[in-house]
Protein backbone atom coordinates (compact mmCIF):
# COMPACT_ATOMS: atom_id res chain seq x y z
CA MET A 1 -92.53 130.49 -86.41
CA PHE A 2 -92.32 130.57 -82.64
CA THR A 3 -91.02 133.87 -81.27
CA LEU A 4 -88.76 134.42 -78.28
CA SER A 5 -91.22 136.92 -76.85
CA ARG A 6 -93.83 134.15 -76.67
CA ILE A 7 -91.27 131.79 -75.14
CA ARG A 8 -90.45 134.41 -72.51
CA GLU A 9 -94.13 134.67 -71.58
CA LEU A 10 -94.25 130.90 -71.10
CA CYS A 11 -91.01 130.96 -69.09
CA SER A 12 -92.42 133.56 -66.76
CA SER A 13 -95.53 131.45 -66.20
CA VAL A 14 -93.43 128.49 -64.97
CA GLY A 15 -91.20 130.59 -62.73
CA ILE A 16 -88.09 130.99 -64.87
CA ASP A 17 -86.35 134.31 -64.17
CA ASP A 18 -84.94 135.00 -67.63
CA CYS A 19 -84.41 133.22 -70.91
CA ALA A 20 -83.06 133.75 -74.41
CA VAL A 21 -82.25 131.70 -77.46
CA THR A 22 -79.22 130.87 -79.55
CA VAL A 23 -78.53 128.52 -82.45
CA PRO A 24 -76.28 125.44 -82.37
CA HIS A 25 -72.80 125.76 -83.83
CA LEU A 26 -69.27 124.55 -83.19
CA LEU A 27 -67.78 126.34 -80.17
CA ASP A 28 -64.23 126.58 -81.51
CA ASP A 29 -62.78 128.96 -78.91
CA ASP A 30 -64.15 126.91 -76.05
CA ALA A 31 -62.80 123.73 -77.63
CA ARG A 32 -59.30 125.23 -77.73
CA TYR A 33 -59.58 126.53 -74.15
CA LEU A 34 -60.82 123.19 -72.85
CA THR A 35 -58.05 121.27 -74.63
CA GLN A 36 -55.37 123.53 -73.16
CA TRP A 37 -57.00 123.39 -69.71
CA LEU A 38 -57.09 119.59 -69.74
CA GLN A 39 -53.50 119.32 -71.01
CA LYS A 40 -52.34 121.24 -67.95
CA GLY A 41 -54.31 118.91 -65.69
CA TYR A 42 -56.34 121.74 -64.16
CA ASN A 43 -59.41 119.51 -64.00
CA GLY A 44 -57.84 117.46 -61.19
CA SER A 45 -59.96 114.40 -60.41
CA MET A 46 -62.86 115.65 -62.56
CA THR A 47 -62.06 113.08 -65.23
CA TYR A 48 -65.56 113.39 -66.68
CA MET A 49 -64.38 116.67 -68.23
CA GLU A 50 -62.12 114.60 -70.51
CA GLN A 51 -65.08 112.69 -71.96
CA ASN A 52 -67.45 113.59 -74.81
CA LEU A 53 -65.37 116.57 -75.96
CA ASP A 54 -67.04 116.49 -79.36
CA LYS A 55 -70.52 116.69 -77.82
CA ARG A 56 -69.46 119.39 -75.37
CA THR A 57 -68.23 121.66 -78.16
CA ASP A 58 -70.87 120.82 -80.79
CA PRO A 59 -74.48 120.83 -79.46
CA GLN A 60 -75.81 119.05 -82.56
CA LYS A 61 -73.67 116.02 -81.77
CA LEU A 62 -75.33 115.91 -78.36
CA TYR A 63 -78.81 116.38 -79.80
CA PRO A 64 -78.89 115.83 -83.60
CA TYR A 65 -82.35 117.39 -84.10
CA CYS A 66 -81.34 120.67 -82.48
CA LYS A 67 -82.33 123.85 -84.32
CA SER A 68 -82.64 126.20 -81.36
CA ILE A 69 -81.10 126.27 -77.89
CA LEU A 70 -83.23 127.87 -75.20
CA VAL A 71 -81.16 129.08 -72.23
CA CYS A 72 -83.07 129.59 -68.98
CA LEU A 73 -81.95 131.14 -65.70
CA LEU A 74 -83.12 130.63 -62.13
CA SER A 75 -81.84 132.85 -59.34
CA TYR A 76 -80.82 131.08 -56.14
CA TYR A 77 -79.70 134.19 -54.26
CA LYS A 78 -80.78 134.35 -50.62
CA LYS A 79 -79.95 136.85 -47.90
CA ASP A 80 -80.35 134.40 -45.02
CA ARG A 81 -77.01 133.24 -43.63
CA GLN A 82 -75.86 130.50 -41.29
CA VAL A 83 -75.28 130.99 -37.60
CA LYS A 84 -71.95 132.71 -37.01
CA GLY A 85 -69.13 130.22 -36.57
CA ALA A 86 -70.94 127.30 -38.18
CA PRO A 87 -69.00 125.31 -40.82
CA TYR A 88 -69.54 127.24 -44.06
CA ILE A 89 -71.95 125.94 -46.69
CA SER A 90 -72.16 127.73 -50.01
CA ILE A 91 -75.25 129.81 -50.76
CA SER A 92 -76.20 127.34 -53.47
CA GLY A 93 -75.80 124.43 -51.03
CA LEU A 94 -78.19 126.05 -48.56
CA SER A 95 -81.15 125.65 -50.92
CA ARG A 96 -84.11 123.58 -49.75
CA ASN A 97 -84.13 121.28 -52.75
CA ASP A 98 -81.91 119.92 -55.50
CA TYR A 99 -81.58 122.60 -58.17
CA HIS A 100 -81.15 120.02 -60.95
CA ILE A 101 -84.66 118.73 -60.25
CA VAL A 102 -86.11 122.20 -59.70
CA MET A 103 -84.78 123.49 -63.01
CA LYS A 104 -85.64 120.38 -65.03
CA ASN A 105 -89.20 120.38 -63.70
CA ARG A 106 -89.63 123.91 -65.03
CA LEU A 107 -87.98 123.08 -68.35
CA ASN A 108 -90.26 120.06 -68.77
CA GLN A 109 -93.32 122.21 -68.04
CA LEU A 110 -92.09 124.77 -70.54
CA GLU A 111 -91.52 122.14 -73.20
CA GLN A 112 -95.04 120.75 -72.81
CA MET A 113 -96.45 124.26 -73.33
CA ILE A 114 -94.35 124.71 -76.46
CA ILE A 115 -95.44 121.34 -77.83
CA SER A 116 -99.09 122.13 -77.20
CA GLU A 117 -98.77 125.36 -79.19
CA CYS A 118 -96.64 123.90 -82.00
CA GLY A 119 -98.87 120.94 -82.61
CA GLU A 120 -97.64 118.71 -85.42
CA GLN A 121 -94.50 120.78 -85.99
CA ILE A 122 -92.71 118.63 -83.41
CA SER A 123 -92.46 114.89 -84.00
CA SER A 124 -92.45 112.71 -80.90
CA ALA A 125 -89.40 110.92 -82.30
CA TRP A 126 -87.45 114.18 -82.15
CA LEU A 127 -88.00 114.36 -78.40
CA GLU A 128 -86.76 110.88 -77.55
CA PRO A 129 -83.04 111.72 -77.25
CA GLN A 130 -82.00 113.59 -74.11
CA HIS A 131 -82.34 117.32 -74.76
CA VAL A 132 -83.10 118.88 -71.34
CA PHE A 133 -80.00 119.73 -69.32
CA CYS A 134 -78.97 121.37 -66.05
CA ASP A 135 -75.35 120.91 -65.02
CA SER A 136 -75.58 117.18 -65.70
CA ALA A 137 -74.29 116.64 -69.25
CA PRO A 138 -71.40 117.69 -71.53
CA VAL A 139 -72.82 121.14 -72.24
CA PHE A 140 -71.10 124.54 -72.13
CA GLU A 141 -74.03 126.14 -70.29
CA ARG A 142 -72.24 129.39 -69.49
CA ARG A 143 -71.01 129.88 -73.05
CA LEU A 144 -74.48 129.20 -74.45
CA ALA A 145 -75.92 131.75 -72.02
CA CYS A 146 -73.43 134.28 -73.38
CA GLU A 147 -74.24 133.32 -76.97
CA ALA A 148 -77.91 133.92 -76.18
CA GLY A 149 -77.08 137.45 -75.03
CA LEU A 150 -77.99 136.95 -71.38
CA GLY A 151 -74.70 138.18 -69.90
CA ILE A 152 -71.00 137.36 -69.72
CA ILE A 153 -68.55 134.92 -68.19
CA GLY A 154 -66.73 136.92 -65.53
CA LYS A 155 -63.16 136.80 -64.29
CA ASN A 156 -64.44 134.45 -61.59
CA HIS A 157 -65.33 132.06 -64.46
CA LEU A 158 -68.99 132.21 -63.45
CA PHE A 159 -71.83 133.43 -65.62
CA ILE A 160 -72.98 136.94 -64.66
CA HIS A 161 -76.40 138.33 -65.53
CA PRO A 162 -76.89 142.13 -65.39
CA LEU A 163 -79.84 141.88 -62.98
CA LEU A 164 -79.48 138.46 -61.35
CA GLY A 165 -75.73 138.58 -60.82
CA SER A 166 -73.80 135.31 -60.69
CA TYR A 167 -76.15 133.49 -58.31
CA VAL A 168 -77.97 131.71 -61.13
CA HIS A 169 -78.56 128.13 -62.20
CA ILE A 170 -78.57 127.62 -65.96
CA GLY A 171 -80.98 125.27 -67.70
CA ILE A 172 -80.75 124.23 -71.35
CA LEU A 173 -83.65 123.12 -73.53
CA MET A 174 -82.60 122.03 -77.01
CA LEU A 175 -85.48 122.17 -79.45
CA PRO A 176 -86.11 120.77 -82.96
CA ILE A 177 -87.82 123.98 -84.10
CA ASP A 178 -86.70 127.43 -85.14
CA ILE A 179 -87.30 130.23 -82.65
CA TYR A 180 -87.23 133.78 -83.94
CA ASP A 181 -85.34 136.14 -81.65
CA ASP A 182 -87.54 139.23 -81.76
CA ARG A 183 -85.85 141.10 -78.90
CA SER A 184 -85.34 144.79 -79.59
CA SER A 185 -82.12 144.82 -77.56
CA LYS A 186 -79.61 142.57 -75.82
CA TRP A 187 -77.00 143.10 -73.11
CA VAL A 188 -74.37 143.88 -75.74
CA ASN A 189 -72.48 146.52 -73.76
CA PHE A 190 -72.48 144.70 -70.43
CA ASN A 191 -68.83 144.45 -69.31
CA PRO A 192 -68.62 144.78 -65.51
CA CYS A 193 -65.26 143.03 -65.19
CA ALA A 194 -63.28 145.71 -67.02
CA GLY A 195 -60.71 147.11 -64.61
CA CYS A 196 -61.95 144.93 -61.72
CA ARG A 197 -59.95 142.18 -59.98
CA LYS A 198 -61.91 141.78 -56.76
CA CYS A 199 -62.70 138.11 -57.32
CA ILE A 200 -59.10 137.27 -58.23
CA ASN A 201 -57.71 139.19 -55.26
CA ASN A 202 -60.12 137.52 -52.83
CA CYS A 203 -59.68 133.92 -53.98
CA PRO A 204 -58.23 132.21 -50.87
CA THR A 205 -56.17 129.61 -52.77
CA GLY A 206 -55.14 131.41 -55.96
CA ALA A 207 -57.35 129.27 -58.16
CA LEU A 208 -58.52 132.36 -60.05
CA ARG A 209 -55.90 133.77 -62.37
CA ASP A 210 -55.69 136.03 -65.37
CA ASP A 211 -55.23 133.11 -67.74
CA LEU A 212 -56.51 129.59 -67.08
CA PHE A 213 -58.62 128.73 -64.04
CA ASP A 214 -56.89 126.11 -61.88
CA ALA A 215 -59.84 124.13 -60.55
CA ARG A 216 -57.54 121.94 -58.45
CA LYS A 217 -57.05 124.86 -56.06
CA CYS A 218 -60.68 126.02 -55.93
CA VAL A 219 -62.27 125.56 -52.50
CA SER A 220 -65.50 124.32 -54.10
CA TYR A 221 -63.50 121.64 -55.90
CA LEU A 222 -61.53 120.75 -52.77
CA THR A 223 -64.63 120.38 -50.60
CA ILE A 224 -66.99 118.82 -53.16
CA GLU A 225 -65.28 117.27 -56.19
CA ARG A 226 -61.87 116.11 -55.00
CA LYS A 227 -61.67 112.37 -54.34
CA GLU A 228 -58.17 112.20 -52.81
CA PRO A 229 -57.24 113.27 -49.26
CA LEU A 230 -56.45 116.98 -48.99
CA ASP A 231 -52.86 118.17 -48.90
CA ALA A 232 -51.80 119.67 -45.58
CA LYS A 233 -51.11 123.02 -47.25
CA TYR A 234 -54.86 123.56 -47.68
CA ASN A 235 -55.80 123.08 -44.02
CA ASN A 236 -55.43 126.76 -43.10
CA LEU A 237 -56.70 128.03 -46.45
CA LEU A 238 -59.98 126.14 -46.14
CA GLU A 239 -60.54 127.67 -42.70
CA ASN A 240 -64.08 126.75 -41.58
CA ARG A 241 -65.46 125.77 -44.98
CA LEU A 242 -67.46 122.57 -45.10
CA TYR A 243 -69.05 122.73 -48.52
CA GLY A 244 -68.06 125.15 -51.24
CA CYS A 245 -66.95 128.77 -51.25
CA ASP A 246 -68.56 132.05 -52.29
CA ASN A 247 -65.65 134.47 -51.89
CA CYS A 248 -65.53 135.46 -55.55
CA GLN A 249 -69.29 136.02 -55.59
CA LEU A 250 -69.55 137.84 -52.27
CA VAL A 251 -67.10 140.55 -53.40
CA CYS A 252 -68.42 140.90 -56.95
CA PRO A 253 -69.92 144.36 -57.58
CA CYS A 254 -72.65 142.72 -59.68
CA ASN A 255 -73.94 140.87 -56.61
CA GLN A 256 -74.35 143.75 -54.19
CA SER A 257 -77.97 144.81 -54.84
CA LEU A 258 -79.80 141.63 -55.75
CA LYS A 259 -83.35 140.56 -55.06
CA GLU A 260 -83.85 137.24 -53.31
CA THR A 261 -84.96 134.27 -55.35
CA SER A 262 -88.70 133.97 -55.79
CA CYS A 263 -88.40 130.18 -56.05
CA ASP A 264 -89.40 128.54 -52.76
CA ASP A 265 -87.37 125.41 -53.57
CA LEU A 266 -84.20 127.49 -53.82
CA LYS A 267 -84.72 129.50 -50.64
CA ALA A 268 -82.65 128.69 -47.57
CA ASN A 269 -83.09 125.44 -45.70
CA ALA A 270 -84.04 126.41 -42.14
CA GLU A 271 -82.37 123.36 -40.58
CA LEU A 272 -79.00 124.14 -42.16
CA LEU A 273 -79.26 127.83 -41.24
CA ALA A 274 -79.93 127.04 -37.59
CA MET A 275 -77.12 124.52 -37.05
CA THR A 276 -74.28 125.86 -34.91
CA LYS A 277 -70.71 124.64 -34.81
CA ASP A 278 -71.57 122.65 -31.69
CA ASP A 279 -74.59 121.14 -33.46
CA TRP A 280 -72.32 119.87 -36.22
CA ASN A 281 -69.71 118.61 -33.76
CA ASN A 282 -72.31 116.86 -31.61
CA SER A 283 -74.29 115.34 -34.48
CA SER A 284 -74.11 111.61 -34.87
CA HIS A 285 -72.02 110.21 -37.68
CA ARG A 286 -75.22 109.01 -39.32
CA LYS A 287 -76.80 112.49 -39.26
CA LYS A 288 -73.66 114.10 -40.67
CA LEU A 289 -73.59 111.60 -43.50
CA LYS A 290 -77.28 112.21 -44.19
CA LEU A 291 -76.81 116.00 -44.36
CA LEU A 292 -73.65 115.79 -46.46
CA HIS A 293 -75.23 113.23 -48.78
CA ARG A 294 -78.14 115.59 -49.37
CA LEU A 295 -75.69 118.38 -50.19
CA ALA A 296 -73.70 116.16 -52.52
CA LYS A 297 -76.85 115.18 -54.44
CA LYS A 298 -77.34 118.83 -55.33
CA ASN A 299 -74.06 118.97 -57.25
């Protein structure tokens, strides 16, 4: 049987920052939360959240051969910041390359290593259905990361890792083999949100609440996902934000002493860092569309 310790060695060799494993099962609590969230219309124009609910809450309906779910993390944290006064782009958006591609490339490399070591244990037919995911399919990535013992979902509704903070991309590799979790310990007592409300108090639009997250008010939703024209009430709240928002991450105590990402593809794009407010204002319509299109492709 393949062990998680061996998987972790392979993950390290392809540049994955951390990984763990869980087993597929029905995510009942998340199904109830999602149903209530959708009933209140908090998904706004993200109608894709209403689709494939059965696959989202039951991994084996998404990938029938699934026996193990490998959850992998890549840090995208960077200390470099934009020129003061420039229209704000989220830390994730400042990356040099599309994180979906970056993560999937590593997951595909990892899978080939696993196949080479498993030999005939894995049938090629088992690998035909889609089973490699990174924020591009009906998968509860954050919940699976919690189930794997990698951290928690914080009050900011982001996944938080004890060492990498919340600046992480999550990749999922569903496998048709059993993986034995031979870790001596997990982050079982990690609970940094107890008694803390910094993210909630610093959310500029009140999207973060003690109960259900209202995505319709989230600045990241308003500047990236929303299809309709913005209501006038958000003009002042958005301030100088062009693409996304990091308020809830910037104030989080878990994000105050992080190491920068070691992944070159996820380090800061020098062109975006250097652009001033005047550069943006004076850019041609074509250049603005090109830059914004590149940002949009990352999400």
